[in-house]
Amino acid sequence: MVVPTPQGDRRVSEGLGFPAVDLFLHAWDLSAVCPSRPEIPQEAVEFAHAFLDPLGEAMLRGPGVFGCEVWIPPDSSASERFLAWSGRDLRAA
């Protein structure tokens, strides 16, 4: 199904992609008060990148979206790399 959006006509699945990614990222944010951190499943990381990467850095980086990518060690998990890509500083959490 195609619906009108501010960016033009889009498939419903495209419109639901960003809220789905938000759920994983904000669930992780809320876990900041927990003694252990959840891992974002590899499938969710792959889905998020498949959905977000085509949008480009100019659209993704800035107020209300994602901050600058944060450096993490090369041996970090896929979940940690995705969180750092989204601008979350795991050292501050």
C-alpha atoms as a PDB file:
ATOM      1  CA  MET A   1       0.000   0.000   0.000  1.00  0.00           C
ATOM      2  CA  VAL A   2       1.250   3.482  -0.874  1.00  0.00           C
ATOM      3  CA  VAL A   3       0.343   6.548   1.194  1.00  0.00           C
ATOM      4  CA  PRO A   4       1.172  10.259   0.844  1.00  0.00           C
ATOM      5  CA  THR A   5       3.901  11.612   3.152  1.00  0.00           C
ATOM      6  CA  PRO A   6       5.798  14.908   3.449  1.00  0.00           C
ATOM      7  CA  GLN A   7       8.583  13.206   1.451  1.00  0.00           C
ATOM      8  CA  GLY A   8       6.191  12.097  -1.291  1.00  0.00           C
ATOM      9  CA  ASP A   9       4.294   8.858  -1.793  1.00  0.00           C
ATOM     10  CA  ARG A  10       5.767   6.006   0.261  1.00  0.00           C
ATOM     11  CA  ARG A  11       4.977   2.373   0.972  1.00  0.00           C
ATOM     12  CA  VAL A  12       3.532   1.790   4.443  1.00  0.00           C
ATOM     13  CA  SER A  13       6.498  -0.474   5.262  1.00  0.00           C
ATOM     14  CA  GLU A  14       8.826   2.479   4.628  1.00  0.00           C
ATOM     15  CA  GLY A  15       6.779   4.643   6.963  1.00  0.00           C
ATOM     16  CA  LEU A  16       6.957   2.079   9.738  1.00  0.00           C
ATOM     17  CA  GLY A  17      10.714   1.553   9.455  1.00  0.00           C
ATOM     18  CA  PHE A  18      11.785   4.600  11.434  1.00  0.00           C
ATOM     19  CA  PRO A  19       9.418   3.963  14.384  1.00  0.00           C
ATOM     20  CA  ALA A  20      10.662   0.356  14.488  1.00  0.00           C
ATOM     21  CA  VAL A  21      14.283   1.512  14.698  1.00  0.00           C
ATOM     22  CA  ASP A  22      13.294   4.062  17.352  1.00  0.00           C
ATOM     23  CA  LEU A  23      11.807   1.323  19.545  1.00  0.00           C
ATOM     24  CA  PHE A  24      15.095  -0.579  19.690  1.00  0.00           C
ATOM     25  CA  LEU A  25      17.223   2.511  20.298  1.00  0.00           C
ATOM     26  CA  HIS A  26      14.980   4.040  22.951  1.00  0.00           C
ATOM     27  CA  ALA A  27      14.520   0.705  24.722  1.00  0.00           C
ATOM     28  CA  TRP A  28      18.292   0.607  25.009  1.00  0.00           C
ATOM     29  CA  ASP A  29      18.290   4.222  26.260  1.00  0.00           C
ATOM     30  CA  LEU A  30      15.792   3.324  28.984  1.00  0.00           C
ATOM     31  CA  SER A  31      17.972   0.437  30.092  1.00  0.00           C
ATOM     32  CA  ALA A  32      20.606   2.963  31.263  1.00  0.00           C
ATOM     33  CA  VAL A  33      19.325   2.514  34.822  1.00  0.00           C
ATOM     34  CA  CYS A  34      19.642  -1.288  34.659  1.00  0.00           C
ATOM     35  CA  PRO A  35      22.701  -3.154  35.894  1.00  0.00           C
ATOM     36  CA  SER A  36      23.107  -4.947  32.558  1.00  0.00           C
ATOM     37  CA  ARG A  37      22.643  -3.764  28.983  1.00  0.00           C
ATOM     38  CA  PRO A  38      20.467  -5.574  26.467  1.00  0.00           C
ATOM     39  CA  GLU A  39      21.929  -6.427  23.080  1.00  0.00           C
ATOM     40  CA  ILE A  40      20.029  -5.283  20.024  1.00  0.00           C
ATOM     41  CA  PRO A  41      19.490  -8.414  17.899  1.00  0.00           C
ATOM     42  CA  GLN A  42      21.655  -8.705  14.791  1.00  0.00           C
ATOM     43  CA  GLU A  43      18.532  -8.879  12.630  1.00  0.00           C
ATOM     44  CA  ALA A  44      17.326  -5.547  14.033  1.00  0.00           C
ATOM     45  CA  VAL A  45      20.728  -3.931  13.394  1.00  0.00           C
ATOM     46  CA  GLU A  46      20.665  -5.211   9.791  1.00  0.00           C
ATOM     47  CA  PHE A  47      17.076  -3.981   9.324  1.00  0.00           C
ATOM     48  CA  ALA A  48      17.975  -0.558  10.721  1.00  0.00           C
ATOM     49  CA  HIS A  49      20.980  -0.133   8.445  1.00  0.00           C
ATOM     50  CA  ALA A  50      19.057  -1.381   5.397  1.00  0.00           C
ATOM     51  CA  PHE A  51      16.363   1.192   6.140  1.00  0.00           C
ATOM     52  CA  LEU A  52      18.510   4.118   7.298  1.00  0.00           C
ATOM     53  CA  ASP A  53      21.707   3.968   5.248  1.00  0.00           C
ATOM     54  CA  PRO A  54      20.015   4.871   1.927  1.00  0.00           C
ATOM     55  CA  LEU A  55      18.711   8.089   3.527  1.00  0.00           C
ATOM     56  CA  GLY A  56      22.251   9.472   3.695  1.00  0.00           C
ATOM     57  CA  GLU A  57      24.244  11.236   6.376  1.00  0.00           C
ATOM     58  CA  ALA A  58      22.826  14.688   5.626  1.00  0.00           C
ATOM     59  CA  MET A  59      19.306  13.540   6.476  1.00  0.00           C
ATOM     60  CA  LEU A  60      20.287  11.368   9.453  1.00  0.00           C
ATOM     61  CA  ARG A  61      22.703  13.610  11.360  1.00  0.00           C
ATOM     62  CA  GLY A  62      21.288  16.589  13.140  1.00  0.00           C
ATOM     63  CA  PRO A  63      18.737  17.795  15.672  1.00  0.00           C
ATOM     64  CA  GLY A  64      15.880  15.400  16.204  1.00  0.00           C
ATOM     65  CA  VAL A  65      17.538  12.495  14.411  1.00  0.00           C
ATOM     66  CA  PHE A  66      21.019  11.127  15.224  1.00  0.00           C
ATOM     67  CA  GLY A  67      24.097  12.785  16.643  1.00  0.00           C
ATOM     68  CA  CYS A  68      27.608  12.269  15.345  1.00  0.00           C
ATOM     69  CA  GLU A  69      28.942   8.731  15.320  1.00  0.00           C
ATOM     70  CA  VAL A  70      30.884   7.925  18.499  1.00  0.00           C
ATOM     71  CA  TRP A  71      34.192   6.020  18.459  1.00  0.00           C
ATOM     72  CA  ILE A  72      34.212   2.570  20.057  1.00  0.00           C
ATOM     73  CA  PRO A  73      36.834  -0.195  20.062  1.00  0.00           C
ATOM     74  CA  PRO A  74      37.024  -2.302  16.873  1.00  0.00           C
ATOM     75  CA  ASP A  75      36.172  -5.506  18.766  1.00  0.00           C
ATOM     76  CA  SER A  76      32.757  -4.152  19.863  1.00  0.00           C
ATOM     77  CA  SER A  77      29.595  -6.134  19.194  1.00  0.00           C
ATOM     78  CA  ALA A  78      27.250  -5.361  16.302  1.00  0.00           C
ATOM     79  CA  SER A  79      24.813  -3.904  18.822  1.00  0.00           C
ATOM     80  CA  GLU A  80      27.489  -1.619  20.298  1.00  0.00           C
ATOM     81  CA  ARG A  81      28.648  -0.533  16.826  1.00  0.00           C
ATOM     82  CA  PHE A  82      25.068   0.340  15.858  1.00  0.00           C
ATOM     83  CA  LEU A  83      24.493   2.292  19.062  1.00  0.00           C
ATOM     84  CA  ALA A  84      27.735   4.231  18.532  1.00  0.00           C
ATOM     85  CA  TRP A  85      26.737   4.837  14.891  1.00  0.00           C
ATOM     86  CA  SER A  86      23.471   6.325  16.211  1.00  0.00           C
ATOM     87  CA  GLY A  87      25.422   8.798  18.349  1.00  0.00           C
ATOM     88  CA  ARG A  88      25.139   7.033  21.689  1.00  0.00           C
ATOM     89  CA  ASP A  89      28.273   7.188  23.825  1.00  0.00           C
ATOM     90  CA  LEU A  90      28.460   3.829  25.534  1.00  0.00           C
ATOM     91  CA  ARG A  91      31.164   5.075  27.884  1.00  0.00           C
ATOM     92  CA  ALA A  92      28.780   7.683  29.308  1.00  0.00           C
ATOM     93  CA  ALA A  93      25.941   5.201  29.834  1.00  0.00           C
END
